[in-house]
Amino acid sequence: MSKRIFAVLSLLVIASMLLAACGGGKQAYECTDPIGCVNIAPGDPIHIAYMLTVTGATAFLGEDSKGAIEIAIADRGGKLLGHDILLTGEDSGCSADGGQTAATKVAADPTIVGIVGTNCSSSATAALPTISQAGLVMISPSNTAPALTDPNGTWQPGYFRTAHNDKFQGRVAAEFAYNKLGARTAATIHDGSPYADQLQKVFAETFQNLGGKITFQGAINVGDTDMRSILTTVAADSPDVLYFPIFEPEGDFIVAQSAEIAGLENTTLMGADGLLADSFPEAAGPNADGMYLSGPYVTGADYDAFLKKWETQIGGKPPSGFHAFAYDGTNILFDAIEKVAVVEDDGTVHIPRQALRDAMSSTENFKGLTGTLTCTQYGDCATGQALGIFKITSAEINDGKWPPEVVWTP
């Protein structure tokens, strides 16, 4: 090799070394996020999970949410940032034990970016410490217990919800009872769950602030079938309204057996969104005719289009009232992932976990099916606008009509 060629080669080697030293070469991504990153290789999916109640008496809630998640994924062509979206899930049930078990399984999988769930507030209350410590985000379509977004309550970093806070629902139900039904006395029954207990407390406090009197506040146990004893206690004061924000099948028994109790003949029955299920009217029977349910109410052209997608992709009608909230929550999660993700030239994606939490809490003016949503630092994204009072009639009990008509909105 001539000296001239050797000199040229040497200069080229030195130049390449200098370029690399000065940043001319591509630097490997370094995660500096305080709670870590999810790293997704080319060809691997972006993994989200659900934690929903998909078995048992409350499965209608999970089916309702899961269908909406699947529609949100389909709307994006099944992809995010050029990667397939992988959806897996755990049955969180509607209990603390179910929530804790599901959270332990999900938190053990480091590929999961975020979670849609849970349905029930009791599940979320138990799951949150594990989910939060794992650095995950979780956005719920139907948790409504006020304590979940209260920094002095059970709130944990990484928690969000598109469902209304029951500070809204309890107020709406009490205002309807007092102002529209003309009720001046009311009693409440709950089942000991965070959802039911906190909701009836808001109802009772609002009803009293309006000038009404609460004659009784009591509880049953999940699994109880004979409600006659507590109904007899309620009937001692013959309240104008009995508000019982619980689930099936316990709510079915309260409605059916109340017809047997002297002193309740003129008492108006009111449930909440836990009974807003197409199985409830038939299971509760004839005594449900004329009763009311407080719960989510969504309207508009975009929502009508969503229902058509449901009919085509899932089939039939949504079995409960929180599907639109699940759709909005899934899209808020997807938007936040797109906002913070670092995408390399080869398709590798890095998602910083704390940055993802920050992006979700900074969500502003999100145009969803359930309204315009802005998330607070403690996770409340809903305004309480998407609420109404439904009335059960013989059409729902005998003819299978669903959902019932909305008779009042705040």
Protein backbone atom coordinates (compact mmCIF):
# COMPACT_ATOMS: atom_id res chain seq x y z
CA MET A 1 0.00 0.00 0.00
CA SER A 2 1.41 3.38 -0.98
CA LYS A 3 2.10 5.96 1.67
CA ARG A 4 -0.44 8.27 0.05
CA ILE A 5 -3.30 5.74 0.24
CA PHE A 6 -2.34 4.87 3.81
CA ALA A 7 -2.44 8.53 4.78
CA VAL A 8 -5.90 9.01 3.23
CA LEU A 9 -7.29 5.97 5.03
CA SER A 10 -5.82 7.17 8.30
CA LEU A 11 -7.48 10.55 7.86
CA LEU A 12 -10.84 8.89 7.16
CA VAL A 13 -10.58 6.77 10.31
CA ILE A 14 -9.68 9.77 12.42
CA ALA A 15 -12.53 11.80 10.91
CA SER A 16 -15.08 9.09 11.67
CA MET A 17 -13.83 8.88 15.25
CA LEU A 18 -14.13 12.64 15.66
CA LEU A 19 -17.66 12.64 14.24
CA ALA A 20 -18.72 9.95 16.68
CA ALA A 21 -17.12 11.82 19.56
CA CYS A 22 -18.90 15.03 18.57
CA GLY A 23 -22.31 13.39 18.30
CA GLY A 24 -22.25 12.58 14.64
CA GLY A 25 -23.18 8.99 15.49
CA LYS A 26 -26.69 8.19 16.76
CA GLN A 27 -26.80 8.00 20.56
CA ALA A 28 -28.66 5.18 22.29
CA TYR A 29 -31.85 6.30 24.05
CA GLU A 30 -31.34 6.79 27.76
CA CYS A 31 -34.42 6.69 29.99
CA THR A 32 -34.26 9.47 32.55
CA ASP A 33 -37.90 9.26 33.64
CA PRO A 34 -38.04 9.01 37.46
CA ILE A 35 -40.30 5.94 37.43
CA GLY A 36 -38.95 4.28 34.31
CA CYS A 37 -39.89 3.67 30.69
CA VAL A 38 -41.63 1.02 28.62
CA ASN A 39 -39.39 0.08 25.70
CA ILE A 40 -41.11 -1.43 22.67
CA ALA A 41 -38.96 -3.06 20.00
CA PRO A 42 -39.74 -2.89 16.29
CA GLY A 43 -42.55 -5.30 15.52
CA ASP A 44 -43.67 -5.63 19.15
CA PRO A 45 -47.13 -4.38 20.13
CA ILE A 46 -48.08 -1.51 22.41
CA HIS A 47 -49.65 -3.37 25.29
CA ILE A 48 -52.62 -2.04 27.24
CA ALA A 49 -54.71 -3.98 29.72
CA TYR A 50 -58.18 -3.86 31.15
CA MET A 51 -59.19 -4.64 34.71
CA LEU A 52 -62.96 -5.12 34.54
CA THR A 53 -65.69 -7.20 36.11
CA VAL A 54 -66.36 -9.77 33.39
CA THR A 55 -67.95 -12.61 35.37
CA GLY A 56 -70.77 -12.88 37.87
CA ALA A 57 -73.72 -10.59 38.55
CA THR A 58 -71.86 -7.41 37.54
CA ALA A 59 -70.42 -8.76 34.28
CA PHE A 60 -72.68 -6.40 32.34
CA LEU A 61 -70.44 -3.54 33.48
CA GLY A 62 -67.29 -5.23 32.21
CA GLU A 63 -68.85 -6.26 28.92
CA ASP A 64 -70.06 -2.70 28.46
CA SER A 65 -66.58 -1.24 28.98
CA LYS A 66 -64.65 -3.91 27.09
CA GLY A 67 -66.75 -3.44 23.96
CA ALA A 68 -66.02 0.28 24.01
CA ILE A 69 -62.27 -0.30 24.39
CA GLU A 70 -62.35 -2.62 21.38
CA ILE A 71 -64.19 0.00 19.32
CA ALA A 72 -61.63 2.66 20.29
CA ILE A 73 -58.84 0.34 19.15
CA ALA A 74 -60.65 -0.41 15.88
CA ASP A 75 -61.13 3.31 15.24
CA ARG A 76 -57.32 3.64 15.14
CA GLY A 77 -56.94 0.75 12.78
CA GLY A 78 -55.65 -1.42 15.59
CA LYS A 79 -52.37 0.50 15.64
CA LEU A 80 -50.61 3.21 17.63
CA LEU A 81 -47.32 4.82 16.55
CA GLY A 82 -46.98 2.20 13.85
CA HIS A 83 -47.30 -0.70 16.30
CA ASP A 84 -50.18 -3.10 16.77
CA ILE A 85 -52.23 -2.50 19.91
CA LEU A 86 -52.36 -5.55 22.17
CA LEU A 87 -55.29 -5.71 24.59
CA THR A 88 -55.22 -8.20 27.45
CA GLY A 89 -57.23 -8.20 30.63
CA GLU A 90 -57.92 -9.43 34.12
CA ASP A 91 -61.24 -9.98 35.87
CA SER A 92 -61.23 -7.53 38.77
CA GLY A 93 -64.75 -8.48 39.79
CA CYS A 94 -66.66 -5.99 41.87
CA SER A 95 -64.81 -6.51 45.12
CA ALA A 96 -61.66 -5.57 46.98
CA ASP A 97 -60.25 -9.09 46.65
CA GLY A 98 -60.86 -9.12 42.91
CA GLY A 99 -59.21 -5.74 42.47
CA GLN A 100 -56.13 -6.73 44.45
CA THR A 101 -55.70 -10.02 42.60
CA ALA A 102 -56.05 -8.36 39.20
CA ALA A 103 -53.66 -5.57 40.14
CA THR A 104 -50.98 -8.02 41.27
CA LYS A 105 -51.13 -9.84 37.93
CA VAL A 106 -51.10 -6.69 35.82
CA ALA A 107 -48.32 -5.01 37.79
CA ALA A 108 -46.11 -8.06 37.26
CA ASP A 109 -46.06 -7.49 33.48
CA PRO A 110 -43.54 -4.74 32.61
CA THR A 111 -44.77 -4.52 29.00
CA ILE A 112 -48.12 -3.02 30.00
CA VAL A 113 -48.26 0.72 29.33
CA GLY A 114 -51.65 1.58 30.85
CA ILE A 115 -54.90 0.17 32.15
CA VAL A 116 -58.56 0.84 31.48
CA GLY A 117 -60.49 -0.03 34.64
CA THR A 118 -61.73 -0.85 37.12
CA ASN A 119 -65.52 -0.86 36.97
CA CYS A 120 -66.30 -0.92 40.67
CA SER A 121 -64.91 1.53 43.21
CA SER A 122 -64.25 -1.26 45.72
CA SER A 123 -61.94 -2.95 43.21
CA ALA A 124 -60.11 0.28 42.46
CA THR A 125 -59.63 1.15 46.12
CA ALA A 126 -57.86 -2.16 46.71
CA ALA A 127 -55.94 -2.16 43.41
CA LEU A 128 -54.58 1.37 43.43
CA PRO A 129 -51.60 1.01 45.79
CA THR A 130 -50.19 -1.86 43.71
CA ILE A 131 -50.92 -0.19 40.38
CA SER A 132 -49.46 3.13 41.49
CA GLN A 133 -46.29 1.62 42.93
CA ALA A 134 -45.72 -0.22 39.65
CA GLY A 135 -45.60 3.14 37.86
CA LEU A 136 -48.73 2.42 35.82
CA VAL A 137 -51.61 4.66 34.82
CA MET A 138 -55.20 3.51 35.21
CA ILE A 139 -58.24 5.30 33.84
CA SER A 140 -61.66 4.13 34.96
CA PRO A 141 -64.91 4.35 33.00
CA SER A 142 -67.20 3.75 35.98
CA ASN A 143 -65.50 4.30 39.34
CA THR A 144 -67.55 7.03 41.01
CA ALA A 145 -66.62 6.97 44.72
CA PRO A 146 -65.52 10.49 45.74
CA ALA A 147 -62.58 9.23 47.85
CA LEU A 148 -60.76 7.87 44.79
CA THR A 149 -59.85 11.36 43.60
CA ASP A 150 -59.53 12.90 47.05
CA PRO A 151 -55.87 13.45 48.09
CA ASN A 152 -57.04 12.94 51.68
CA GLY A 153 -58.96 9.83 50.67
CA THR A 154 -57.80 6.80 48.70
CA TRP A 155 -56.26 8.62 45.70
CA GLN A 156 -52.93 7.33 44.40
CA PRO A 157 -50.66 8.80 41.68
CA GLY A 158 -51.48 7.41 38.25
CA TYR A 159 -55.24 7.23 38.79
CA PHE A 160 -57.76 8.88 36.45
CA ARG A 161 -61.42 8.47 35.62
CA THR A 162 -63.83 9.63 32.95
CA ALA A 163 -66.80 8.57 35.08
CA HIS A 164 -68.58 11.23 37.08
CA ASN A 165 -67.65 11.79 40.70
CA ASP A 166 -70.58 10.78 42.91
CA LYS A 167 -70.46 14.23 44.42
CA PHE A 168 -72.33 15.05 41.20
CA GLN A 169 -74.59 11.98 41.05
CA GLY A 170 -75.65 12.13 44.70
CA ARG A 171 -76.51 15.81 44.31
CA VAL A 172 -78.47 15.22 41.10
CA ALA A 173 -80.48 12.37 42.65
CA ALA A 174 -81.28 14.41 45.77
CA GLU A 175 -82.29 17.48 43.75
CA PHE A 176 -84.62 15.37 41.64
CA ALA A 177 -86.20 13.76 44.72
CA TYR A 178 -86.69 17.06 46.52
CA ASN A 179 -87.46 19.47 43.69
CA LYS A 180 -89.19 17.27 41.11
CA LEU A 181 -90.85 14.53 43.16
CA GLY A 182 -91.65 16.87 46.02
CA ALA A 183 -90.15 14.47 48.56
CA ARG A 184 -89.52 15.83 52.02
CA THR A 185 -88.41 12.61 53.74
CA ALA A 186 -86.01 9.98 52.46
CA ALA A 187 -84.20 6.84 53.59
CA THR A 188 -81.10 5.20 52.13
CA ILE A 189 -79.71 1.67 51.97
CA HIS A 190 -76.16 0.79 50.91
CA ASP A 191 -74.13 -2.43 50.77
CA GLY A 192 -70.95 -1.35 52.56
CA SER A 193 -68.98 -0.81 49.35
CA PRO A 194 -67.10 2.49 48.83
CA TYR A 195 -69.36 3.24 45.87
CA ALA A 196 -72.69 2.71 47.58
CA ASP A 197 -71.77 4.13 50.98
CA GLN A 198 -70.22 7.33 49.64
CA LEU A 199 -73.01 7.88 47.12
CA GLN A 200 -75.80 7.57 49.67
CA LYS A 201 -73.93 9.95 51.97
CA VAL A 202 -73.80 12.63 49.27
CA PHE A 203 -77.50 12.06 48.53
CA ALA A 204 -78.40 12.35 52.21
CA GLU A 205 -76.29 15.47 52.82
CA THR A 206 -77.69 17.22 49.75
CA PHE A 207 -81.27 16.23 50.58
CA GLN A 208 -80.91 17.63 54.08
CA ASN A 209 -79.29 20.83 52.80
CA LEU A 210 -82.30 21.32 50.54
CA GLY A 211 -84.58 21.11 53.56
CA GLY A 212 -85.50 17.44 53.60
CA LYS A 213 -85.27 14.92 56.43
CA ILE A 214 -83.37 11.64 56.33
CA THR A 215 -85.34 9.08 58.31
CA PHE A 216 -82.95 6.14 58.04
CA GLN A 217 -79.51 5.21 56.71
CA GLY A 218 -78.68 1.53 56.86
CA ALA A 219 -76.76 -1.24 55.16
CA ILE A 220 -77.18 -4.75 53.86
CA ASN A 221 -74.43 -7.23 53.03
CA VAL A 222 -73.44 -8.25 49.54
CA GLY A 223 -75.01 -11.67 49.11
CA ASP A 224 -78.10 -10.99 51.23
CA THR A 225 -81.35 -12.23 49.72
CA ASP A 226 -83.91 -11.45 52.43
CA MET A 227 -84.39 -7.69 52.66
CA ARG A 228 -87.61 -7.72 54.68
CA SER A 229 -86.00 -6.84 58.01
CA ILE A 230 -84.28 -3.66 56.82
CA LEU A 231 -87.29 -2.72 54.70
CA THR A 232 -89.51 -3.03 57.75
CA THR A 233 -87.21 -0.64 59.62
CA VAL A 234 -87.37 1.80 56.71
CA ALA A 235 -91.17 1.52 56.61
CA ALA A 236 -91.56 2.63 60.23
CA ASP A 237 -91.32 6.24 59.02
CA SER A 238 -92.94 5.74 55.60
CA PRO A 239 -90.39 7.92 53.78
CA ASP A 240 -91.34 9.64 50.56
CA VAL A 241 -88.26 8.18 48.82
CA LEU A 242 -86.00 5.17 49.38
CA TYR A 243 -82.63 5.60 47.66
CA PHE A 244 -80.54 2.44 47.37
CA PRO A 245 -77.45 2.80 45.12
CA ILE A 246 -76.47 -0.89 45.04
CA PHE A 247 -76.05 -3.63 42.45
CA GLU A 248 -77.87 -6.73 41.32
CA PRO A 249 -79.02 -9.09 42.63
CA GLU A 250 -79.43 -7.33 45.99
CA GLY A 251 -81.22 -4.40 44.33
CA ASP A 252 -83.64 -6.83 42.68
CA PHE A 253 -84.62 -8.25 46.07
CA ILE A 254 -85.16 -4.81 47.61
CA VAL A 255 -87.53 -3.83 44.82
CA ALA A 256 -89.47 -7.08 44.77
CA GLN A 257 -89.78 -7.48 48.55
CA SER A 258 -90.68 -3.84 49.23
CA ALA A 259 -94.13 -4.62 47.83
CA GLU A 260 -94.72 -6.91 50.82
CA ILE A 261 -93.95 -4.32 53.50
CA ALA A 262 -96.71 -2.24 55.06
CA GLY A 263 -95.77 1.42 55.22
CA LEU A 264 -93.95 1.52 51.88
CA GLU A 265 -97.05 1.72 49.69
CA ASN A 266 -96.45 5.39 48.91
CA THR A 267 -92.66 5.34 48.98
CA THR A 268 -90.96 6.03 45.65
CA LEU A 269 -88.04 3.70 44.94
CA MET A 270 -84.81 5.13 43.54
CA GLY A 271 -81.69 3.25 42.53
CA ALA A 272 -78.50 4.42 40.84
CA ASP A 273 -76.16 3.46 38.01
CA GLY A 274 -75.30 0.15 39.67
CA LEU A 275 -78.77 -1.01 38.60
CA LEU A 276 -78.67 0.59 35.15
CA ALA A 277 -78.51 -2.80 33.46
CA ASP A 278 -80.87 -4.36 30.96
CA SER A 279 -81.25 -7.40 33.21
CA PHE A 280 -82.57 -5.36 36.14
CA PRO A 281 -86.22 -4.62 35.21
CA GLU A 282 -87.09 -8.23 34.45
CA ALA A 283 -85.26 -9.52 37.54
CA ALA A 284 -86.85 -6.93 39.86
CA GLY A 285 -90.33 -7.62 38.55
CA PRO A 286 -93.59 -5.64 38.48
CA ASN A 287 -92.78 -3.52 41.53
CA ALA A 288 -90.02 -1.81 39.51
CA ASP A 289 -92.70 -0.10 37.42
CA GLY A 290 -92.51 3.63 38.15
CA MET A 291 -89.20 3.61 40.03
CA TYR A 292 -86.25 5.82 39.11
CA LEU A 293 -82.52 5.34 38.50
CA SER A 294 -79.84 8.02 38.58
CA GLY A 295 -76.99 7.40 36.18
CA PRO A 296 -74.96 8.36 33.12
CA TYR A 297 -76.78 9.92 30.20
CA VAL A 298 -75.05 10.59 26.88
CA THR A 299 -76.56 12.07 23.70
CA GLY A 300 -75.45 13.59 20.42
CA ALA A 301 -74.59 12.70 16.84
CA ASP A 302 -71.16 11.30 17.74
CA TYR A 303 -72.75 9.05 20.34
CA ASP A 304 -75.35 7.85 17.83
CA ALA A 305 -72.51 6.98 15.45
CA PHE A 306 -70.77 5.08 18.25
CA LEU A 307 -73.92 3.03 18.89
CA LYS A 308 -74.00 2.06 15.22
CA LYS A 309 -70.40 0.87 15.52
CA TRP A 310 -71.39 -1.14 18.58
CA GLU A 311 -74.24 -2.80 16.71
CA THR A 312 -71.92 -3.69 13.83
CA GLN A 313 -68.77 -4.67 15.74
CA ILE A 314 -70.11 -6.00 19.06
CA GLY A 315 -73.77 -6.71 18.34
CA GLY A 316 -76.99 -5.49 19.89
CA LYS A 317 -76.99 -2.63 22.37
CA PRO A 318 -74.54 -1.84 25.18
CA PRO A 319 -75.65 -3.64 28.36
CA SER A 320 -74.95 -0.75 30.75
CA GLY A 321 -74.44 3.00 30.76
CA PHE A 322 -70.67 3.48 30.92
CA HIS A 323 -69.52 2.42 27.45
CA ALA A 324 -69.08 6.02 26.25
CA PHE A 325 -66.91 6.74 29.30
CA ALA A 326 -64.74 3.71 28.50
CA TYR A 327 -64.37 4.89 24.91
CA ASP A 328 -63.31 8.36 26.04
CA GLY A 329 -60.92 6.98 28.65
CA THR A 330 -59.22 4.69 26.15
CA ASN A 331 -58.72 7.56 23.72
CA ILE A 332 -57.34 9.85 26.43
CA LEU A 333 -54.80 7.12 27.21
CA PHE A 334 -53.89 6.68 23.53
CA ASP A 335 -53.52 10.43 23.00
CA ALA A 336 -51.23 10.71 26.02
CA ILE A 337 -49.07 7.82 24.79
CA GLU A 338 -48.68 9.51 21.41
CA LYS A 339 -47.80 12.79 23.12
CA VAL A 340 -44.91 11.49 25.22
CA ALA A 341 -43.54 8.58 23.17
CA VAL A 342 -40.01 8.76 21.78
CA VAL A 343 -39.89 6.97 18.40
CA GLU A 344 -36.57 5.92 16.91
CA ASP A 345 -35.85 5.62 13.20
CA ASP A 346 -36.13 1.84 13.31
CA GLY A 347 -39.58 1.98 14.95
CA THR A 348 -38.46 1.37 18.52
CA VAL A 349 -40.77 3.22 20.90
CA HIS A 350 -39.94 4.44 24.41
CA ILE A 351 -42.77 5.55 26.71
CA PRO A 352 -41.68 7.36 29.90
CA ARG A 353 -44.09 6.43 32.70
CA GLN A 354 -44.10 9.65 34.73
CA ALA A 355 -44.33 11.70 31.57
CA LEU A 356 -47.38 9.62 30.61
CA ARG A 357 -49.02 10.40 33.96
CA ASP A 358 -48.24 14.07 33.49
CA ALA A 359 -49.68 14.07 29.97
CA MET A 360 -52.93 12.54 31.18
CA SER A 361 -53.29 14.97 34.08
CA SER A 362 -52.70 17.85 31.65
CA THR A 363 -55.50 16.72 29.34
CA GLU A 364 -57.59 19.77 28.49
CA ASN A 365 -60.74 20.27 26.42
CA PHE A 366 -60.79 16.69 25.18
CA LYS A 367 -63.82 16.37 22.91
CA GLY A 368 -65.35 13.08 23.99
CA LEU A 369 -68.66 11.33 23.65
CA THR A 370 -69.42 12.26 27.25
CA GLY A 371 -68.62 15.95 26.87
CA THR A 372 -65.56 18.18 26.96
CA LEU A 373 -63.16 16.66 29.47
CA THR A 374 -60.32 18.30 31.38
CA CYS A 375 -58.41 16.19 33.91
CA THR A 376 -57.35 17.46 37.31
CA GLN A 377 -54.09 16.54 39.02
CA TYR A 378 -56.03 14.05 41.14
CA GLY A 379 -57.65 12.31 38.19
CA ASP A 380 -61.18 13.66 37.82
CA CYS A 381 -61.77 14.26 34.12
CA ALA A 382 -65.58 14.47 34.01
CA THR A 383 -67.76 17.46 34.78
CA GLY A 384 -70.90 15.63 35.87
CA GLN A 385 -72.79 16.93 32.85
CA ALA A 386 -73.51 13.47 31.44
CA LEU A 387 -76.06 12.51 34.11
CA GLY A 388 -79.81 11.99 34.13
CA ILE A 389 -82.75 10.38 35.88
CA PHE A 390 -84.28 7.34 34.19
CA LYS A 391 -87.77 5.92 34.82
CA ILE A 392 -88.53 2.20 34.66
CA THR A 393 -91.86 1.28 33.07
CA SER A 394 -93.68 -1.88 32.04
CA ALA A 395 -91.97 -1.63 28.65
CA GLU A 396 -88.59 -2.40 30.26
CA ILE A 397 -90.08 -5.04 32.57
CA ASN A 398 -92.28 -6.94 30.14
CA ASP A 399 -91.19 -6.04 26.63
CA GLY A 400 -87.41 -5.99 26.88
CA LYS A 401 -87.12 -2.31 25.99
CA TRP A 402 -83.73 -0.82 26.87
CA PRO A 403 -82.55 1.69 27.87
CA PRO A 404 -85.38 3.38 29.78
CA GLU A 405 -86.37 6.95 29.03
CA VAL A 406 -84.63 9.86 30.69
CA VAL A 407 -87.22 11.97 32.48
CA TRP A 408 -84.96 14.67 33.91
CA THR A 409 -81.50 16.11 33.45
CA PRO A 410 -79.83 18.72 35.66
